[in-house]
Amino acid sequence: IKKDLSQLTANEAVKTRRFYYLWIMLFINVTCGIAILSAAKPLA
């Protein structure tokens, strides 16, 4: 079993850099994807 890299509470997690890395990655993926979803019909 590959061990989890840490066992943190939510309040501890938001103090780490990797929390914000995940937030930025999800934000960009969703921002671009949802823009395509909202405009797919007229774009096509």
Full PDB file with SEQRES, HELIX, SHEET, SSBOND, CRYST1, ORIGX, SCALE, CONECT and MASTER records, all heavy atoms in Angstrom:
SEQRES   1 A   44  ILE LYS LYS ASP LEU SER GLN LEU THR ALA ASN GLU ALA          
SEQRES   2 A   44  VAL LYS THR ARG ARG PHE TYR TYR LEU TRP ILE MET LEU          
SEQRES   3 A   44  PHE ILE ASN VAL THR CYS GLY ILE ALA ILE LEU SER ALA          
SEQRES   4 A   44  ALA LYS PRO LEU ALA                                          
HELIX    1 AA1 ALA A   10  ALA A   13  1                                   4    
HELIX    2 AA2 ARG A   17  LEU A   43  1                                  27    
CRYST1    1.000    1.000    1.000  90.00  90.00  90.00 P 1           1          
ORIGX1      1.000000  0.000000  0.000000        0.00000                         
ORIGX2      0.000000  1.000000  0.000000        0.00000                         
ORIGX3      0.000000  0.000000  1.000000        0.00000                         
SCALE1      1.000000  0.000000  0.000000        0.00000                         
SCALE2      0.000000  1.000000  0.000000        0.00000                         
SCALE3      0.000000  0.000000  1.000000        0.00000                         
ATOM      1  N   ILE A   1       0.845  -1.188   0.000  1.00  0.00           N  
ATOM      2  CA  ILE A   1       0.000   0.000   0.000  1.00  0.00           C  
ATOM      3  C   ILE A   1       0.884   1.243   0.000  1.00  0.00           C  
ATOM      4  O   ILE A   1       1.774   1.379   0.852  1.00  0.00           O  
ATOM      5  CB  ILE A   1      -0.926   0.051   1.236  1.00  0.00           C  
ATOM      6  CG1 ILE A   1      -1.861  -1.145   1.257  1.00  0.00           C  
ATOM      7  CG2 ILE A   1      -1.744   1.337   1.248  1.00  0.00           C  
ATOM      8  CD1 ILE A   1      -2.784  -1.174   2.457  1.00  0.00           C  
ATOM      9  N   LYS A   2       0.629   2.108  -0.965  1.00  0.00           N  
ATOM     10  CA  LYS A   2       1.373   3.360  -1.001  1.00  0.00           C  
ATOM     11  C   LYS A   2       0.788   4.299   0.047  1.00  0.00           C  
ATOM     12  O   LYS A   2      -0.396   4.638   0.016  1.00  0.00           O  
ATOM     13  CB  LYS A   2       1.280   4.011  -2.385  1.00  0.00           C  
ATOM     14  CG  LYS A   2       2.226   5.189  -2.535  1.00  0.00           C  
ATOM     15  CD  LYS A   2       2.198   5.745  -3.939  1.00  0.00           C  
ATOM     16  CE  LYS A   2       3.167   6.928  -4.054  1.00  0.00           C  
ATOM     17  NZ  LYS A   2       3.134   7.535  -5.392  1.00  0.00           N  
ATOM     18  N   LYS A   3       1.620   4.660   1.006  1.00  0.00           N  
ATOM     19  CA  LYS A   3       1.136   5.497   2.106  1.00  0.00           C  
ATOM     20  C   LYS A   3       0.816   6.909   1.619  1.00  0.00           C  
ATOM     21  O   LYS A   3       1.481   7.442   0.732  1.00  0.00           O  
ATOM     22  CB  LYS A   3       2.199   5.570   3.208  1.00  0.00           C  
ATOM     23  CG  LYS A   3       2.329   4.292   4.023  1.00  0.00           C  
ATOM     24  CD  LYS A   3       3.354   4.455   5.132  1.00  0.00           C  
ATOM     25  CE  LYS A   3       2.844   5.406   6.210  1.00  0.00           C  
ATOM     26  NZ  LYS A   3       3.819   5.531   7.334  1.00  0.00           N  
ATOM     27  N   ASP A   4      -0.225   7.497   2.224  1.00  0.00           N  
ATOM     28  CA  ASP A   4      -0.531   8.901   1.946  1.00  0.00           C  
ATOM     29  C   ASP A   4       0.636   9.746   2.423  1.00  0.00           C  
ATOM     30  O   ASP A   4       1.314   9.412   3.402  1.00  0.00           O  
ATOM     31  CB  ASP A   4      -1.820   9.309   2.664  1.00  0.00           C  
ATOM     32  CG  ASP A   4      -3.027   8.511   2.178  1.00  0.00           C  
ATOM     33  OD1 ASP A   4      -3.043   8.147   1.000  1.00  0.00           O  
ATOM     34  OD2 ASP A   4      -3.927   8.254   2.996  1.00  0.00           O  
ATOM     35  N   LEU A   5       0.864  10.854   1.746  1.00  0.00           N  
ATOM     36  CA  LEU A   5       2.031  11.677   2.058  1.00  0.00           C  
ATOM     37  C   LEU A   5       1.911  12.401   3.392  1.00  0.00           C  
ATOM     38  O   LEU A   5       2.900  12.865   3.950  1.00  0.00           O  
ATOM     39  CB  LEU A   5       2.266  12.684   0.925  1.00  0.00           C  
ATOM     40  CG  LEU A   5       2.700  12.064  -0.406  1.00  0.00           C  
ATOM     41  CD1 LEU A   5       2.817  13.127  -1.477  1.00  0.00           C  
ATOM     42  CD2 LEU A   5       4.031  11.330  -0.252  1.00  0.00           C  
ATOM     43  N   SER A   6       0.682  12.521   3.879  1.00  0.00           N  
ATOM     44  CA  SER A   6       0.469  13.163   5.191  1.00  0.00           C  
ATOM     45  C   SER A   6      -0.934  12.837   5.669  1.00  0.00           C  
ATOM     46  O   SER A   6      -1.747  12.282   4.919  1.00  0.00           O  
ATOM     47  CB  SER A   6       0.657  14.685   5.084  1.00  0.00           C  
ATOM     48  OG  SER A   6      -0.238  15.226   4.128  1.00  0.00           O  
ATOM     49  N   GLN A   7      -1.216  13.158   6.910  1.00  0.00           N  
ATOM     50  CA  GLN A   7      -2.571  13.039   7.463  1.00  0.00           C  
ATOM     51  C   GLN A   7      -2.885  14.388   8.118  1.00  0.00           C  
ATOM     52  O   GLN A   7      -2.540  14.629   9.271  1.00  0.00           O  
ATOM     53  CB  GLN A   7      -2.648  11.910   8.490  1.00  0.00           C  
ATOM     54  CG  GLN A   7      -2.596  10.510   7.901  1.00  0.00           C  
ATOM     55  CD  GLN A   7      -3.838  10.169   7.082  1.00  0.00           C  
ATOM     56  OE1 GLN A   7      -4.910  10.718   7.304  1.00  0.00           O  
ATOM     57  NE2 GLN A   7      -3.682   9.247   6.133  1.00  0.00           N  
ATOM     58  N   LEU A   8      -3.516  15.270   7.346  1.00  0.00           N  
ATOM     59  CA  LEU A   8      -3.759  16.630   7.821  1.00  0.00           C  
ATOM     60  C   LEU A   8      -5.245  16.916   7.987  1.00  0.00           C  
ATOM     61  O   LEU A   8      -6.086  16.337   7.299  1.00  0.00           O  
ATOM     62  CB  LEU A   8      -3.174  17.649   6.827  1.00  0.00           C  
ATOM     63  CG  LEU A   8      -1.681  17.568   6.506  1.00  0.00           C  
ATOM     64  CD1 LEU A   8      -1.301  18.714   5.574  1.00  0.00           C  
ATOM     65  CD2 LEU A   8      -0.835  17.616   7.770  1.00  0.00           C  
ATOM     66  N   THR A   9      -5.552  17.836   8.895  1.00  0.00           N  
ATOM     67  CA  THR A   9      -6.914  18.355   8.988  1.00  0.00           C  
ATOM     68  C   THR A   9      -7.098  19.375   7.869  1.00  0.00           C  
ATOM     69  O   THR A   9      -6.130  19.807   7.239  1.00  0.00           O  
ATOM     70  CB  THR A   9      -7.159  19.032  10.344  1.00  0.00           C  
ATOM     71  OG1 THR A   9      -6.298  20.191  10.426  1.00  0.00           O  
ATOM     72  CG2 THR A   9      -6.860  18.092  11.510  1.00  0.00           C  
ATOM     73  N   ALA A  10      -8.333  19.769   7.663  1.00  0.00           N  
ATOM     74  CA  ALA A  10      -8.602  20.753   6.603  1.00  0.00           C  
ATOM     75  C   ALA A  10      -7.904  22.076   6.891  1.00  0.00           C  
ATOM     76  O   ALA A  10      -7.358  22.715   5.979  1.00  0.00           O  
ATOM     77  CB  ALA A  10     -10.107  20.961   6.475  1.00  0.00           C  
ATOM     78  N   ASN A  11      -7.911  22.493   8.144  1.00  0.00           N  
ATOM     79  CA  ASN A  11      -7.285  23.773   8.496  1.00  0.00           C  
ATOM     80  C   ASN A  11      -5.766  23.722   8.361  1.00  0.00           C  
ATOM     81  O   ASN A  11      -5.124  24.743   8.099  1.00  0.00           O  
ATOM     82  CB  ASN A  11      -7.676  24.175   9.929  1.00  0.00           C  
ATOM     83  CG  ASN A  11      -9.142  24.548  10.023  1.00  0.00           C  
ATOM     84  OD1 ASN A  11      -9.763  24.907   9.028  1.00  0.00           O  
ATOM     85  ND2 ASN A  11      -9.718  24.445  11.214  1.00  0.00           N  
ATOM     86  N   GLU A  12      -5.189  22.536   8.547  1.00  0.00           N  
ATOM     87  CA  GLU A  12      -3.744  22.383   8.321  1.00  0.00           C  
ATOM     88  C   GLU A  12      -3.441  22.341   6.823  1.00  0.00           C  
ATOM     89  O   GLU A  12      -2.445  22.894   6.364  1.00  0.00           O  
ATOM     90  CB  GLU A  12      -3.251  21.084   8.977  1.00  0.00           C  
ATOM     91  CG  GLU A  12      -3.231  21.130  10.494  1.00  0.00           C  
ATOM     92  CD  GLU A  12      -2.993  19.764  11.128  1.00  0.00           C  
ATOM     93  OE1 GLU A  12      -3.237  18.728  10.455  1.00  0.00           O  
ATOM     94  OE2 GLU A  12      -2.581  19.727  12.307  1.00  0.00           O  
ATOM     95  N   ALA A  13      -4.319  21.700   6.056  1.00  0.00           N  
ATOM     96  CA  ALA A  13      -4.101  21.548   4.613  1.00  0.00           C  
ATOM     97  C   ALA A  13      -4.048  22.895   3.907  1.00  0.00           C  
ATOM     98  O   ALA A  13      -3.234  23.092   2.998  1.00  0.00           O  
ATOM     99  CB  ALA A  13      -5.203  20.677   4.010  1.00  0.00           C  
ATOM    100  N   VAL A  14      -4.925  23.830   4.309  1.00  0.00           N  
ATOM    101  CA  VAL A  14      -4.980  25.125   3.606  1.00  0.00           C  
ATOM    102  C   VAL A  14      -3.732  25.978   3.871  1.00  0.00           C  
ATOM    103  O   VAL A  14      -3.547  27.009   3.219  1.00  0.00           O  
ATOM    104  CB  VAL A  14      -6.244  25.936   3.986  1.00  0.00           C  
ATOM    105  CG1 VAL A  14      -7.502  25.210   3.538  1.00  0.00           C  
ATOM    106  CG2 VAL A  14      -6.293  26.241   5.472  1.00  0.00           C  
ATOM    107  N   LYS A  15      -2.879  25.543   4.760  1.00  0.00           N  
ATOM    108  CA  LYS A  15      -1.642  26.275   5.036  1.00  0.00           C  
ATOM    109  C   LYS A  15      -0.470  25.751   4.207  1.00  0.00           C  
ATOM    110  O   LYS A  15       0.654  26.228   4.333  1.00  0.00           O  
ATOM    111  CB  LYS A  15      -1.300  26.194   6.525  1.00  0.00           C  
ATOM    112  CG  LYS A  15      -2.336  26.876   7.417  1.00  0.00           C  
ATOM    113  CD  LYS A  15      -2.036  26.625   8.894  1.00  0.00           C  
ATOM    114  CE  LYS A  15      -3.136  27.231   9.788  1.00  0.00           C  
ATOM    115  NZ  LYS A  15      -2.946  26.893  11.206  1.00  0.00           N  
ATOM    116  N   THR A  16      -0.741  24.753   3.361  1.00  0.00           N  
ATOM    117  CA  THR A  16       0.340  24.166   2.557  1.00  0.00           C  
ATOM    118  C   THR A  16       0.306  24.680   1.119  1.00  0.00           C  
ATOM    119  O   THR A  16      -0.749  25.073   0.618  1.00  0.00           O  
ATOM    120  CB  THR A  16       0.218  22.623   2.523  1.00  0.00           C  
ATOM    121  OG1 THR A  16      -0.988  22.270   1.840  1.00  0.00           O  
ATOM    122  CG2 THR A  16       0.188  22.043   3.925  1.00  0.00           C  
ATOM    123  N   ARG A  17       1.466  24.627   0.465  1.00  0.00           N  
ATOM    124  CA  ARG A  17       1.546  25.052  -0.945  1.00  0.00           C  
ATOM    125  C   ARG A  17       0.767  24.116  -1.846  1.00  0.00           C  
ATOM    126  O   ARG A  17       0.117  24.551  -2.803  1.00  0.00           O  
ATOM    127  CB  ARG A  17       3.013  25.072  -1.402  1.00  0.00           C  
ATOM    128  CG  ARG A  17       3.793  26.288  -0.948  1.00  0.00           C  
ATOM    129  CD  ARG A  17       5.231  26.184  -1.373  1.00  0.00           C  
ATOM    130  NE  ARG A  17       5.890  25.037  -0.745  1.00  0.00           N  
ATOM    131  CZ  ARG A  17       7.193  24.773  -0.845  1.00  0.00           C  
ATOM    132  NH1 ARG A  17       7.965  25.557  -1.565  1.00  0.00           N  
ATOM    133  NH2 ARG A  17       7.722  23.732  -0.247  1.00  0.00           N  
ATOM    134  N   ARG A  18       0.814  22.807  -1.555  1.00  0.00           N  
ATOM    135  CA  ARG A  18       0.176  21.843  -2.458  1.00  0.00           C  
ATOM    136  C   ARG A  18      -1.345  21.997  -2.502  1.00  0.00           C  
ATOM    137  O   ARG A  18      -1.962  21.649  -3.509  1.00  0.00           O  
ATOM    138  CB  ARG A  18       0.583  20.413  -2.098  1.00  0.00           C  
ATOM    139  CG  ARG A  18       0.259  19.947  -0.698  1.00  0.00           C  
ATOM    140  CD  ARG A  18       0.977  18.620  -0.433  1.00  0.00           C  
ATOM    141  NE  ARG A  18       0.690  18.069   0.878  1.00  0.00           N  
ATOM    142  CZ  ARG A  18       1.276  18.443   2.008  1.00  0.00           C  
ATOM    143  NH1 ARG A  18       2.185  19.407   1.973  1.00  0.00           N  
ATOM    144  NH2 ARG A  18       0.970  17.875   3.161  1.00  0.00           N  
ATOM    145  N   PHE A  19      -1.933  22.518  -1.429  1.00  0.00           N  
ATOM    146  CA  PHE A  19      -3.377  22.793  -1.464  1.00  0.00           C  
ATOM    147  C   PHE A  19      -3.678  23.809  -2.568  1.00  0.00           C  
ATOM    148  O   PHE A  19      -4.606  23.628  -3.367  1.00  0.00           O  
ATOM    149  CB  PHE A  19      -3.856  23.330  -0.116  1.00  0.00           C  
ATOM    150  CG  PHE A  19      -5.305  23.773  -0.120  1.00  0.00           C  
ATOM    151  CD1 PHE A  19      -6.322  22.882   0.164  1.00  0.00           C  
ATOM    152  CD2 PHE A  19      -5.645  25.089  -0.443  1.00  0.00           C  
ATOM    153  CE1 PHE A  19      -7.659  23.276   0.133  1.00  0.00           C  
ATOM    154  CE2 PHE A  19      -6.971  25.496  -0.479  1.00  0.00           C  
ATOM    155  CZ  PHE A  19      -7.977  24.591  -0.183  1.00  0.00           C  
ATOM    156  N   TYR A  20      -2.890  24.859  -2.633  1.00  0.00           N  
ATOM    157  CA  TYR A  20      -3.122  25.911  -3.628  1.00  0.00           C  
ATOM    158  C   TYR A  20      -2.722  25.461  -5.028  1.00  0.00           C  
ATOM    159  O   TYR A  20      -3.299  25.915  -6.017  1.00  0.00           O  
ATOM    160  CB  TYR A  20      -2.396  27.197  -3.208  1.00  0.00           C  
ATOM    161  CG  TYR A  20      -2.998  27.726  -1.931  1.00  0.00           C  
ATOM    162  CD1 TYR A  20      -2.394  27.450  -0.696  1.00  0.00           C  
ATOM    163  CD2 TYR A  20      -4.207  28.412  -1.943  1.00  0.00           C  
ATOM    164  CE1 TYR A  20      -2.980  27.886   0.481  1.00  0.00           C  
ATOM    165  CE2 TYR A  20      -4.796  28.852  -0.763  1.00  0.00           C  
ATOM    166  CZ  TYR A  20      -4.174  28.579   0.441  1.00  0.00           C  
ATOM    167  OH  TYR A  20      -4.769  28.984   1.601  1.00  0.00           O  
ATOM    168  N   TYR A  21      -1.759  24.533  -5.132  1.00  0.00           N  
ATOM    169  CA  TYR A  21      -1.443  23.952  -6.433  1.00  0.00           C  
ATOM    170  C   TYR A  21      -2.670  23.217  -6.988  1.00  0.00           C  
ATOM    171  O   TYR A  21      -3.039  23.375  -8.152  1.00  0.00           O  
ATOM    172  CB  TYR A  21      -0.269  22.964  -6.313  1.00  0.00           C  
ATOM    173  CG  TYR A  21       1.075  23.585  -6.018  1.00  0.00           C  
ATOM    174  CD1 TYR A  21       2.074  22.867  -5.353  1.00  0.00           C  
ATOM    175  CD2 TYR A  21       1.370  24.888  -6.403  1.00  0.00           C  
ATOM    176  CE1 TYR A  21       3.317  23.426  -5.086  1.00  0.00           C  
ATOM    177  CE2 TYR A  21       2.615  25.457  -6.138  1.00  0.00           C  
ATOM    178  CZ  TYR A  21       3.584  24.720  -5.472  1.00  0.00           C  
ATOM    179  OH  TYR A  21       4.805  25.275  -5.204  1.00  0.00           O  
ATOM    180  N   LEU A  22      -3.300  22.390  -6.123  1.00  0.00           N  
ATOM    181  CA  LEU A  22      -4.501  21.668  -6.552  1.00  0.00           C  
ATOM    182  C   LEU A  22      -5.627  22.631  -6.914  1.00  0.00           C  
ATOM    183  O   LEU A  22      -6.343  22.425  -7.902  1.00  0.00           O  
ATOM    184  CB  LEU A  22      -4.988  20.721  -5.448  1.00  0.00           C  
ATOM    185  CG  LEU A  22      -4.173  19.471  -5.128  1.00  0.00           C  
ATOM    186  CD1 LEU A  22      -4.989  18.522  -4.248  1.00  0.00           C  
ATOM    187  CD2 LEU A  22      -3.729  18.748  -6.374  1.00  0.00           C  
ATOM    188  N   TRP A  23      -5.792  23.684  -6.099  1.00  0.00           N  
ATOM    189  CA  TRP A  23      -6.865  24.661  -6.332  1.00  0.00           C  
ATOM    190  C   TRP A  23      -6.686  25.322  -7.704  1.00  0.00           C  
ATOM    191  O   TRP A  23      -7.642  25.427  -8.482  1.00  0.00           O  
ATOM    192  CB  TRP A  23      -6.839  25.723  -5.235  1.00  0.00           C  
ATOM    193  CG  TRP A  23      -8.086  26.554  -5.148  1.00  0.00           C  
ATOM    194  CD1 TRP A  23      -9.131  26.377  -4.281  1.00  0.00           C  
ATOM    195  CD2 TRP A  23      -8.429  27.712  -5.947  1.00  0.00           C  
ATOM    196  NE1 TRP A  23     -10.105  27.332  -4.502  1.00  0.00           N  
ATOM    197  CE2 TRP A  23      -9.707  28.161  -5.515  1.00  0.00           C  
ATOM    198  CE3 TRP A  23      -7.801  28.395  -6.979  1.00  0.00           C  
ATOM    199  CZ2 TRP A  23     -10.339  29.272  -6.079  1.00  0.00           C  
ATOM    200  CZ3 TRP A  23      -8.440  29.490  -7.565  1.00  0.00           C  
ATOM    201  CH2 TRP A  23      -9.693  29.927  -7.107  1.00  0.00           C  
ATOM    202  N   ILE A  24      -5.457  25.738  -8.003  1.00  0.00           N  
ATOM    203  CA  ILE A  24      -5.172  26.408  -9.284  1.00  0.00           C  
ATOM    204  C   ILE A  24      -5.397  25.457 -10.457  1.00  0.00           C  
ATOM    205  O   ILE A  24      -5.989  25.832 -11.475  1.00  0.00           O  
ATOM    206  CB  ILE A  24      -3.727  26.971  -9.300  1.00  0.00           C  
ATOM    207  CG1 ILE A  24      -3.599  28.142  -8.313  1.00  0.00           C  
ATOM    208  CG2 ILE A  24      -3.341  27.428 -10.708  1.00  0.00           C  
ATOM    209  CD1 ILE A  24      -2.166  28.539  -8.015  1.00  0.00           C  
ATOM    210  N   MET A  25      -4.943  24.210 -10.321  1.00  0.00           N  
ATOM    211  CA  MET A  25      -5.111  23.242 -11.411  1.00  0.00           C  
ATOM    212  C   MET A  25      -6.588  22.985 -11.690  1.00  0.00           C  
ATOM    213  O   MET A  25      -7.011  22.949 -12.853  1.00  0.00           O  
ATOM    214  CB  MET A  25      -4.395  21.930 -11.070  1.00  0.00           C  
ATOM    215  CG  MET A  25      -2.880  22.024 -11.149  1.00  0.00           C  
ATOM    216  SD  MET A  25      -2.041  20.404 -11.119  1.00  0.00           S  
ATOM    217  CE  MET A  25      -2.434  19.806  -9.500  1.00  0.00           C  
ATOM    218  N   LEU A  26      -7.382  22.806 -10.632  1.00  0.00           N  
ATOM    219  CA  LEU A  26      -8.818  22.576 -10.827  1.00  0.00           C  
ATOM    220  C   LEU A  26      -9.488  23.814 -11.400  1.00  0.00           C  
ATOM    221  O   LEU A  26     -10.318  23.720 -12.314  1.00  0.00           O  
ATOM    222  CB  LEU A  26      -9.489  22.167  -9.508  1.00  0.00           C  
ATOM    223  CG  LEU A  26     -10.971  21.794  -9.627  1.00  0.00           C  
ATOM    224  CD1 LEU A  26     -11.145  20.540 -10.475  1.00  0.00           C  
ATOM    225  CD2 LEU A  26     -11.607  21.587  -8.253  1.00  0.00           C  
ATOM    226  N   PHE A  27      -9.108  24.986 -10.892  1.00  0.00           N  
ATOM    227  CA  PHE A  27      -9.705  26.238 -11.360  1.00  0.00           C  
ATOM    228  C   PHE A  27      -9.486  26.433 -12.861  1.00  0.00           C  
ATOM    229  O   PHE A  27     -10.419  26.750 -13.602  1.00  0.00           O  
ATOM    230  CB  PHE A  27      -9.126  27.430 -10.584  1.00  0.00           C  
ATOM    231  CG  PHE A  27      -9.584  28.772 -11.115  1.00  0.00           C  
ATOM    232  CD1 PHE A  27     -10.856  29.236 -10.832  1.00  0.00           C  
ATOM    233  CD2 PHE A  27      -8.747  29.537 -11.922  1.00  0.00           C  
ATOM    234  CE1 PHE A  27     -11.294  30.462 -11.335  1.00  0.00           C  
ATOM    235  CE2 PHE A  27      -9.174  30.759 -12.425  1.00  0.00           C  
ATOM    236  CZ  PHE A  27     -10.458  31.227 -12.128  1.00  0.00           C  
ATOM    237  N   ILE A  28      -8.246  26.226 -13.316  1.00  0.00           N  
ATOM    238  CA  ILE A  28      -7.949  26.424 -14.739  1.00  0.00           C  
ATOM    239  C   ILE A  28      -8.656  25.375 -15.591  1.00  0.00           C  
ATOM    240  O   ILE A  28      -9.245  25.692 -16.628  1.00  0.00           O  
ATOM    241  CB  ILE A  28      -6.426  26.406 -14.986  1.00  0.00           C  
ATOM    242  CG1 ILE A  28      -5.780  27.650 -14.359  1.00  0.00           C  
ATOM    243  CG2 ILE A  28      -6.107  26.339 -16.483  1.00  0.00           C  
ATOM    244  CD1 ILE A  28      -4.266  27.690 -14.429  1.00  0.00           C  
ATOM    245  N   ASN A  29      -8.628  24.117 -15.154  1.00  0.00           N  
ATOM    246  CA  ASN A  29      -9.281  23.057 -15.928  1.00  0.00           C  
ATOM    247  C   ASN A  29     -10.786  23.308 -16.058  1.00  0.00           C  
ATOM    248  O   ASN A  29     -11.361  23.136 -17.135  1.00  0.00           O  
ATOM    249  CB  ASN A  29      -9.036  21.695 -15.270  1.00  0.00           C  
ATOM    250  CG  ASN A  29      -9.259  20.542 -16.220  1.00  0.00           C  
ATOM    251  OD1 ASN A  29      -8.610  20.445 -17.260  1.00  0.00           O  
ATOM    252  ND2 ASN A  29     -10.189  19.660 -15.888  1.00  0.00           N  
ATOM    253  N   VAL A  30     -11.407  23.761 -14.967  1.00  0.00           N  
ATOM    254  CA  VAL A  30     -12.854  24.000 -14.987  1.00  0.00           C  
ATOM    255  C   VAL A  30     -13.186  25.296 -15.735  1.00  0.00           C  
ATOM    256  O   VAL A  30     -14.154  25.353 -16.490  1.00  0.00           O  
ATOM    257  CB  VAL A  30     -13.427  24.044 -13.550  1.00  0.00           C  
ATOM    258  CG1 VAL A  30     -14.921  24.367 -13.579  1.00  0.00           C  
ATOM    259  CG2 VAL A  30     -13.214  22.709 -12.859  1.00  0.00           C  
ATOM    260  N   THR A  31     -12.394  26.354 -15.528  1.00  0.00           N  
ATOM    261  CA  THR A  31     -12.641  27.630 -16.210  1.00  0.00           C  
ATOM    262  C   THR A  31     -12.662  27.446 -17.725  1.00  0.00           C  
ATOM    263  O   THR A  31     -13.592  27.882 -18.407  1.00  0.00           O  
ATOM    264  CB  THR A  31     -11.555  28.664 -15.843  1.00  0.00           C  
ATOM    265  OG1 THR A  31     -11.636  28.953 -14.445  1.00  0.00           O  
ATOM    266  CG2 THR A  31     -11.746  29.967 -16.615  1.00  0.00           C  
ATOM    267  N   CYS A  32     -11.644  26.772 -18.246  1.00  0.00           N  
ATOM    268  CA  CYS A  32     -11.548  26.578 -19.698  1.00  0.00           C  
ATOM    269  C   CYS A  32     -12.597  25.589 -20.187  1.00  0.00           C  
ATOM    270  O   CYS A  32     -13.223  25.787 -21.233  1.00  0.00           O  
ATOM    271  CB  CYS A  32     -10.152  26.095 -20.068  1.00  0.00           C  
ATOM    272  SG  CYS A  32      -8.839  27.214 -19.500  1.00  0.00           S  
ATOM    273  N   GLY A  33     -12.806  24.530 -19.416  1.00  0.00           N  
ATOM    274  CA  GLY A  33     -13.772  23.514 -19.817  1.00  0.00           C  
ATOM    275  C   GLY A  33     -15.201  24.026 -19.802  1.00  0.00           C  
ATOM    276  O   GLY A  33     -15.974  23.786 -20.731  1.00  0.00           O  
ATOM    277  N   ILE A  34     -15.553  24.769 -18.748  1.00  0.00           N  
ATOM    278  CA  ILE A  34     -16.936  25.244 -18.622  1.00  0.00           C  
ATOM    279  C   ILE A  34     -17.220  26.351 -19.639  1.00  0.00           C  
ATOM    280  O   ILE A  34     -18.362  26.529 -20.081  1.00  0.00           O  
ATOM    281  CB  ILE A  34     -17.226  25.704 -17.172  1.00  0.00           C  
ATOM    282  CG1 ILE A  34     -18.691  25.440 -16.819  1.00  0.00           C  
ATOM    283  CG2 ILE A  34     -16.871  27.161 -16.937  1.00  0.00           C  
ATOM    284  CD1 ILE A  34     -18.996  25.522 -15.332  1.00  0.00           C  
ATOM    285  N   ALA A  35     -16.165  27.075 -20.038  1.00  0.00           N  
ATOM    286  CA  ALA A  35     -16.336  28.081 -21.091  1.00  0.00           C  
ATOM    287  C   ALA A  35     -16.687  27.397 -22.410  1.00  0.00           C  
ATOM    288  O   ALA A  35     -17.556  27.856 -23.155  1.00  0.00           O  
ATOM    289  CB  ALA A  35     -15.057  28.899 -21.249  1.00  0.00           C  
ATOM    290  N   ILE A  36     -16.018  26.268 -22.682  1.00  0.00           N  
ATOM    291  CA  ILE A  36     -16.314  25.485 -23.887  1.00  0.00           C  
ATOM    292  C   ILE A  36     -17.735  24.913 -23.800  1.00  0.00           C  
ATOM    293  O   ILE A  36     -18.496  24.927 -24.767  1.00  0.00           O  
ATOM    294  CB  ILE A  36     -15.292  24.335 -24.048  1.00  0.00           C  
ATOM    295  CG1 ILE A  36     -13.966  24.879 -24.582  1.00  0.00           C  
ATOM    296  CG2 ILE A  36     -15.809  23.251 -24.964  1.00  0.00           C  
ATOM    297  CD1 ILE A  36     -13.966  25.174 -26.063  1.00  0.00           C  
ATOM    298  N   LEU A  37     -18.100  24.412 -22.610  1.00  0.00           N  
ATOM    299  CA  LEU A  37     -19.441  23.851 -22.425  1.00  0.00           C  
ATOM    300  C   LEU A  37     -20.514  24.901 -22.684  1.00  0.00           C  
ATOM    301  O   LEU A  37     -21.540  24.616 -23.313  1.00  0.00           O  
ATOM    302  CB  LEU A  37     -19.604  23.296 -21.001  1.00  0.00           C  
ATOM    303  CG  LEU A  37     -19.382  21.790 -20.813  1.00  0.00           C  
ATOM    304  CD1 LEU A  37     -17.917  21.436 -21.033  1.00  0.00           C  
ATOM    305  CD2 LEU A  37     -19.804  21.351 -19.421  1.00  0.00           C  
ATOM    306  N   SER A  38     -20.278  26.106 -22.188  1.00  0.00           N  
ATOM    307  CA  SER A  38     -21.287  27.156 -22.300  1.00  0.00           C  
ATOM    308  C   SER A  38     -21.396  27.704 -23.723  1.00  0.00           C  
ATOM    309  O   SER A  38     -22.411  28.280 -24.095  1.00  0.00           O  
ATOM    310  CB  SER A  38     -20.969  28.307 -21.334  1.00  0.00           C  
ATOM    311  OG  SER A  38     -19.786  28.977 -21.723  1.00  0.00           O  
ATOM    312  N   ALA A  39     -20.331  27.512 -24.519  1.00  0.00           N  
ATOM    313  CA  ALA A  39     -20.315  28.089 -25.873  1.00  0.00           C  
ATOM    314  C   ALA A  39     -20.171  27.050 -26.981  1.00  0.00           C  
ATOM    315  O   ALA A  39     -19.963  27.401 -28.133  1.00  0.00           O  
ATOM    316  CB  ALA A  39     -19.164  29.097 -25.979  1.00  0.00           C  
ATOM    317  N   ALA A  40     -20.289  25.754 -26.630  1.00  0.00           N  
ATOM    318  CA  ALA A  40     -20.027  24.697 -27.611  1.00  0.00           C  
ATOM    319  C   ALA A  40     -20.936  24.797 -28.830  1.00  0.00           C  
ATOM    320  O   ALA A  40     -20.487  24.628 -29.970  1.00  0.00           O  
ATOM    321  CB  ALA A  40     -20.182  23.320 -26.950  1.00  0.00           C  
ATOM    322  N   LYS A  41     -22.222  25.085 -28.614  1.00  0.00           N  
ATOM    323  CA  LYS A  41     -23.182  25.121 -29.727  1.00  0.00           C  
ATOM    324  C   LYS A  41     -22.857  26.257 -30.710  1.00  0.00           C  
ATOM    325  O   LYS A  41     -22.658  26.012 -31.902  1.00  0.00           O  
ATOM    326  CB  LYS A  41     -24.598  25.251 -29.171  1.00  0.00           C  
ATOM    327  CG  LYS A  41     -25.709  25.108 -30.198  1.00  0.00           C  
ATOM    328  CD  LYS A  41     -27.044  24.943 -29.473  1.00  0.00           C  
ATOM    329  CE  LYS A  41     -28.211  25.017 -30.446  1.00  0.00           C  
ATOM    330  NZ  LYS A  41     -28.498  26.386 -30.855  1.00  0.00           N  
ATOM    331  N   PRO A  42     -22.769  27.525 -30.245  1.00  0.00           N  
ATOM    332  CA  PRO A  42     -22.426  28.589 -31.197  1.00  0.00           C  
ATOM    333  C   PRO A  42     -21.021  28.450 -31.780  1.00  0.00           C  
ATOM    334  O   PRO A  42     -20.776  28.832 -32.925  1.00  0.00           O  
ATOM    335  CB  PRO A  42     -22.552  29.871 -30.359  1.00  0.00           C  
ATOM    336  CG  PRO A  42     -22.504  29.445 -28.942  1.00  0.00           C  
ATOM    337  CD  PRO A  42     -23.079  28.070 -28.914  1.00  0.00           C  
ATOM    338  N   LEU A  43     -20.095  27.882 -30.989  1.00  0.00           N  
ATOM    339  CA  LEU A  43     -18.724  27.683 -31.473  1.00  0.00           C  
ATOM    340  C   LEU A  43     -18.714  26.711 -32.653  1.00  0.00           C  
ATOM    341  O   LEU A  43     -18.033  26.937 -33.660  1.00  0.00           O  
ATOM    342  CB  LEU A  43     -17.847  27.136 -30.341  1.00  0.00           C  
ATOM    343  CG  LEU A  43     -16.349  26.945 -30.643  1.00  0.00           C  
ATOM    344  CD1 LEU A  43     -15.682  28.280 -30.905  1.00  0.00           C  
ATOM    345  CD2 LEU A  43     -15.663  26.242 -29.482  1.00  0.00           C  
ATOM    346  N   ALA A  44     -19.487  25.620 -32.541  1.00  0.00           N  
ATOM    347  CA  ALA A  44     -19.564  24.634 -33.627  1.00  0.00           C  
ATOM    348  C   ALA A  44     -20.214  25.237 -34.870  1.00  0.00           C  
ATOM    349  O   ALA A  44     -19.828  24.929 -36.002  1.00  0.00           O  
ATOM    350  CB  ALA A  44     -20.339  23.405 -33.166  1.00  0.00           C  
TER     351      ALA A  44                                                      
MASTER        0    0    0    2    0    0    0    6  350    1    0    4          
END                                                                             
